[in-house]
C-alpha atoms as a PDB file:
ATOM      1  CA  UNK A   1    -102.824 106.636-134.113  1.00  0.00           C
ATOM      2  CA  UNK A   2    -101.844 103.439-132.368  1.00  0.00           C
ATOM      3  CA  UNK A   3     -98.177 102.450-132.360  1.00  0.00           C
ATOM      4  CA  UNK A   4     -95.485 100.773-130.262  1.00  0.00           C
ATOM      5  CA  UNK A   5     -95.102  97.269-128.877  1.00  0.00           C
ATOM      6  CA  UNK A   6     -95.849  96.298-125.293  1.00  0.00           C
ATOM      7  CA  UNK A   7     -95.108  93.105-123.345  1.00  0.00           C
ATOM      8  CA  UNK A   8     -98.163  92.055-121.362  1.00  0.00           C
ATOM      9  CA  UNK A   9     -99.687  89.015-119.716  1.00  0.00           C
ATOM     10  CA  UNK A  10    -103.100  87.426-119.802  1.00  0.00           C
ATOM     11  CA  UNK A  11    -104.361  86.632-116.325  1.00  0.00           C
ATOM     12  CA  UNK A  12    -105.745  83.194-115.397  1.00  0.00           C
ATOM     13  CA  UNK A  13    -109.167  84.192-116.763  1.00  0.00           C
ATOM     14  CA  UNK A  14    -107.799  85.290-120.150  1.00  0.00           C
ATOM     15  CA  UNK A  15    -108.051  89.011-119.412  1.00  0.00           C
ATOM     16  CA  UNK A  16    -105.617  91.469-120.933  1.00  0.00           C
ATOM     17  CA  UNK A  17    -104.932  94.962-119.618  1.00  0.00           C
ATOM     18  CA  UNK A  18    -104.885  97.404-122.527  1.00  0.00           C
ATOM     19  CA  UNK A  19    -101.527  99.231-122.379  1.00  0.00           C
ATOM     20  CA  UNK A  20    -102.025 102.731-120.952  1.00  0.00           C
ATOM     21  CA  UNK A  21    -100.211 104.328-123.900  1.00  0.00           C
ATOM     22  CA  UNK A  22    -102.864 102.918-126.236  1.00  0.00           C
ATOM     23  CA  UNK A  23    -105.975 103.584-124.151  1.00  0.00           C
ATOM     24  CA  UNK A  24    -106.279 107.249-125.121  1.00  0.00           C
ATOM     25  CA  UNK A  25    -107.263 106.290-128.659  1.00  0.00           C
ATOM     26  CA  UNK A  26    -109.654 103.497-127.731  1.00  0.00           C
ATOM     27  CA  UNK A  27    -113.318 103.624-126.762  1.00  0.00           C
ATOM     28  CA  UNK A  28    -114.937 101.186-124.342  1.00  0.00           C
ATOM     29  CA  UNK A  29    -115.973  98.765-127.115  1.00  0.00           C
ATOM     30  CA  UNK A  30    -113.503  96.711-129.157  1.00  0.00           C
ATOM     31  CA  UNK A  31    -113.790  94.085-131.874  1.00  0.00           C
ATOM     32  CA  UNK A  32    -111.304  91.223-132.087  1.00  0.00           C
ATOM     33  CA  UNK A  33    -110.853  89.038-135.150  1.00  0.00           C
ATOM     34  CA  UNK A  34    -108.405  86.807-136.963  1.00  0.00           C
ATOM     35  CA  UNK A  35    -105.250  88.658-137.806  1.00  0.00           C
ATOM     36  CA  UNK A  36    -102.300  87.890-140.008  1.00  0.00           C
ATOM     37  CA  UNK A  37     -99.187  85.786-139.382  1.00  0.00           C
ATOM     38  CA  UNK A  38    -100.817  84.256-136.295  1.00  0.00           C
ATOM     39  CA  UNK A  39    -101.949  87.443-134.545  1.00  0.00           C
ATOM     40  CA  UNK A  40    -105.345  88.692-133.449  1.00  0.00           C
ATOM     41  CA  UNK A  41    -106.510  92.109-134.677  1.00  0.00           C
ATOM     42  CA  UNK A  42    -108.354  94.379-132.240  1.00  0.00           C
ATOM     43  CA  UNK A  43    -110.284  97.350-133.597  1.00  0.00           C
ATOM     44  CA  UNK A  44    -111.901 100.290-131.796  1.00  0.00           C
ATOM     45  CA  UNK A  45    -115.489 100.950-132.967  1.00  0.00           C
ATOM     46  CA  UNK A  46    -114.702 103.661-135.553  1.00  0.00           C
ATOM     47  CA  UNK A  47    -111.840 101.748-137.178  1.00  0.00           C
ATOM     48  CA  UNK A  48    -113.906  98.557-137.172  1.00  0.00           C
ATOM     49  CA  UNK A  49    -116.704 100.365-139.011  1.00  0.00           C
ATOM     50  CA  UNK A  50    -114.178 101.490-141.638  1.00  0.00           C
ATOM     51  CA  UNK A  51    -112.895  97.908-141.955  1.00  0.00           C
ATOM     52  CA  UNK A  52    -116.460  96.634-142.416  1.00  0.00           C
ATOM     53  CA  UNK A  53    -117.034  99.253-145.117  1.00  0.00           C
ATOM     54  CA  UNK A  54    -113.908  98.059-146.881  1.00  0.00           C
ATOM     55  CA  UNK A  55    -115.124  94.441-146.747  1.00  0.00           C
ATOM     56  CA  UNK A  56    -118.545  95.508-148.027  1.00  0.00           C
ATOM     57  CA  UNK A  57    -116.921  97.122-151.079  1.00  0.00           C
ATOM     58  CA  UNK A  58    -115.448  93.794-152.188  1.00  0.00           C
ATOM     59  CA  UNK A  59    -117.185  92.112-155.117  1.00  0.00           C
ATOM     60  CA  UNK A  60    -119.361  89.373-153.580  1.00  0.00           C
ATOM     61  CA  UNK A  61    -119.393  87.620-156.969  1.00  0.00           C
ATOM     62  CA  UNK A  62    -115.705  86.902-156.444  1.00  0.00           C
ATOM     63  CA  UNK A  63    -114.914  83.688-154.562  1.00  0.00           C
ATOM     64  CA  UNK A  64    -111.748  85.304-153.199  1.00  0.00           C
ATOM     65  CA  UNK A  65    -113.792  88.172-151.736  1.00  0.00           C
ATOM     66  CA  UNK A  66    -116.378  85.809-150.234  1.00  0.00           C
ATOM     67  CA  UNK A  67    -113.654  83.661-148.682  1.00  0.00           C
ATOM     68  CA  UNK A  68    -112.009  86.678-147.049  1.00  0.00           C
ATOM     69  CA  UNK A  69    -115.346  88.098-145.879  1.00  0.00           C
ATOM     70  CA  UNK A  70    -116.484  84.783-144.405  1.00  0.00           C
ATOM     71  CA  UNK A  71    -113.301  83.991-142.517  1.00  0.00           C
ATOM     72  CA  UNK A  72    -112.860  87.527-141.204  1.00  0.00           C
ATOM     73  CA  UNK A  73    -116.479  88.132-140.222  1.00  0.00           C
ATOM     74  CA  UNK A  74    -117.001  84.686-138.697  1.00  0.00           C
ATOM     75  CA  UNK A  75    -114.065  85.311-136.377  1.00  0.00           C
ATOM     76  CA  UNK A  76    -115.330  88.660-134.978  1.00  0.00           C
ATOM     77  CA  UNK A  77    -116.011  88.892-131.249  1.00  0.00           C
ATOM     78  CA  UNK A  78    -117.177  92.097-129.571  1.00  0.00           C
ATOM     79  CA  UNK A  79    -115.297  92.958-126.373  1.00  0.00           C
ATOM     80  CA  UNK A  80    -115.911  95.477-123.621  1.00  0.00           C
ATOM     81  CA  UNK A  81    -113.239  97.173-121.577  1.00  0.00           C
ATOM     82  CA  UNK A  82    -113.906  96.770-117.849  1.00  0.00           C
ATOM     83  CA  UNK A  83    -113.285  99.320-115.089  1.00  0.00           C
ATOM     84  CA  UNK A  84    -109.693  98.052-114.722  1.00  0.00           C
ATOM     85  CA  UNK A  85    -108.959  98.594-118.444  1.00  0.00           C
ATOM     86  CA  UNK A  86    -109.034  94.876-119.232  1.00  0.00           C
ATOM     87  CA  UNK A  87    -110.637  92.929-122.050  1.00  0.00           C
ATOM     88  CA  UNK A  88    -111.731  89.334-121.675  1.00  0.00           C
ATOM     89  CA  UNK A  89    -110.415  87.277-124.582  1.00  0.00           C
ATOM     90  CA  UNK A  90    -112.683  84.300-125.238  1.00  0.00           C
ATOM     91  CA  UNK A  91    -111.038  80.955-124.496  1.00  0.00           C
ATOM     92  CA  UNK A  92    -111.954  79.773-127.998  1.00  0.00           C
ATOM     93  CA  UNK A  93    -109.826  82.537-129.561  1.00  0.00           C
ATOM     94  CA  UNK A  94    -106.958  81.966-127.136  1.00  0.00           C
ATOM     95  CA  UNK A  95    -106.851  78.297-128.099  1.00  0.00           C
ATOM     96  CA  UNK A  96    -107.528  78.688-131.828  1.00  0.00           C
ATOM     97  CA  UNK A  97    -104.822  81.308-132.325  1.00  0.00           C
ATOM     98  CA  UNK A  98    -102.329  79.857-129.801  1.00  0.00           C
ATOM     99  CA  UNK A  99    -102.293  82.964-127.635  1.00  0.00           C
ATOM    100  CA  UNK A 100    -100.221  82.204-124.533  1.00  0.00           C
ATOM    101  CA  UNK A 101    -100.271  84.071-121.221  1.00  0.00           C
ATOM    102  CA  UNK A 102     -97.210  86.008-122.365  1.00  0.00           C
ATOM    103  CA  UNK A 103     -98.310  88.348-125.170  1.00  0.00           C
ATOM    104  CA  UNK A 104     -97.106  91.340-127.119  1.00  0.00           C
ATOM    105  CA  UNK A 105     -99.577  94.078-128.023  1.00  0.00           C
ATOM    106  CA  UNK A 106     -98.590  95.990-131.166  1.00  0.00           C
ATOM    107  CA  UNK A 107    -100.111  99.306-132.275  1.00  0.00           C
ATOM    108  CA  UNK A 108    -100.944  99.199-136.003  1.00  0.00           C
ATOM    109  CA  UNK A 109    -102.186 102.744-136.760  1.00  0.00           C
ATOM    110  CA  UNK A 110    -105.966 102.142-136.557  1.00  0.00           C
ATOM    111  CA  UNK A 111    -105.975  98.855-134.623  1.00  0.00           C
ATOM    112  CA  UNK A 112    -103.972  96.663-132.252  1.00  0.00           C
ATOM    113  CA  UNK A 113    -102.509  93.240-132.739  1.00  0.00           C
ATOM    114  CA  UNK A 114    -102.172  90.649-129.993  1.00  0.00           C
ATOM    115  CA  UNK A 115     -99.355  88.168-130.522  1.00  0.00           C
ATOM    116  CA  UNK A 116     -98.103  85.122-128.695  1.00  0.00           C
ATOM    117  CA  UNK A 117     -94.786  86.551-127.399  1.00  0.00           C
ATOM    118  CA  UNK A 118     -92.685  83.723-128.861  1.00  0.00           C
ATOM    119  CA  UNK A 119     -94.329  84.032-132.256  1.00  0.00           C
ATOM    120  CA  UNK A 120     -93.834  87.823-132.200  1.00  0.00           C
ATOM    121  CA  UNK A 121     -90.152  87.426-131.365  1.00  0.00           C
ATOM    122  CA  UNK A 122     -89.668  85.041-134.297  1.00  0.00           C
ATOM    123  CA  UNK A 123     -91.644  87.264-136.678  1.00  0.00           C
ATOM    124  CA  UNK A 124     -89.846  90.389-135.511  1.00  0.00           C
ATOM    125  CA  UNK A 125     -86.368  88.904-135.957  1.00  0.00           C
ATOM    126  CA  UNK A 126     -87.152  87.633-139.448  1.00  0.00           C
ATOM    127  CA  UNK A 127     -88.680  90.891-140.623  1.00  0.00           C
ATOM    128  CA  UNK A 128     -86.395  93.405-138.962  1.00  0.00           C
ATOM    129  CA  UNK A 129     -83.540  91.798-140.882  1.00  0.00           C
ATOM    130  CA  UNK A 130     -85.288  92.633-144.184  1.00  0.00           C
ATOM    131  CA  UNK A 131     -86.799  95.970-143.100  1.00  0.00           C
ATOM    132  CA  UNK A 132     -84.673  98.238-145.261  1.00  0.00           C
ATOM    133  CA  UNK A 133     -85.090  96.074-148.348  1.00  0.00           C
ATOM    134  CA  UNK A 134     -88.858  95.807-147.880  1.00  0.00           C
ATOM    135  CA  UNK A 135     -89.220  99.525-147.149  1.00  0.00           C
ATOM    136  CA  UNK A 136     -87.276 100.467-150.255  1.00  0.00           C
ATOM    137  CA  UNK A 137     -89.353  98.107-152.423  1.00  0.00           C
ATOM    138  CA  UNK A 138     -92.664  99.276-150.989  1.00  0.00           C
ATOM    139  CA  UNK A 139     -91.916 103.000-150.977  1.00  0.00           C
ATOM    140  CA  UNK A 140     -90.414 103.078-154.453  1.00  0.00           C
ATOM    141  CA  UNK A 141     -93.738 102.116-156.079  1.00  0.00           C
END
């Protein structure tokens, strides 16, 4: 299980050191794709395979399903972890998703999210305020 939030920095070449607390649960191959609320999602191989299976189960006759499949799958980039526990984020993803040098890496159970630190701070403040209300609504179903 991946959890916690970690302040990190991209170096001048767009490389990110995977936080040591999260490395235990991650193989040497990762898959990065468009996330939600402005983040990037990063999946280890096994979790990515499960995500692909979930996408494959969607009804391809549904425009909604095709739209989600296309956007998600078109954004996938395979990454390797180097000997210094870094991943090289492609410049195209850094620019497209406004990832700055100052990032926050968030553990999300089976995957990681990479956030622009300013965007994460804004998101976190807005959602921590409503945490109890949202938890109660979600868990009471």
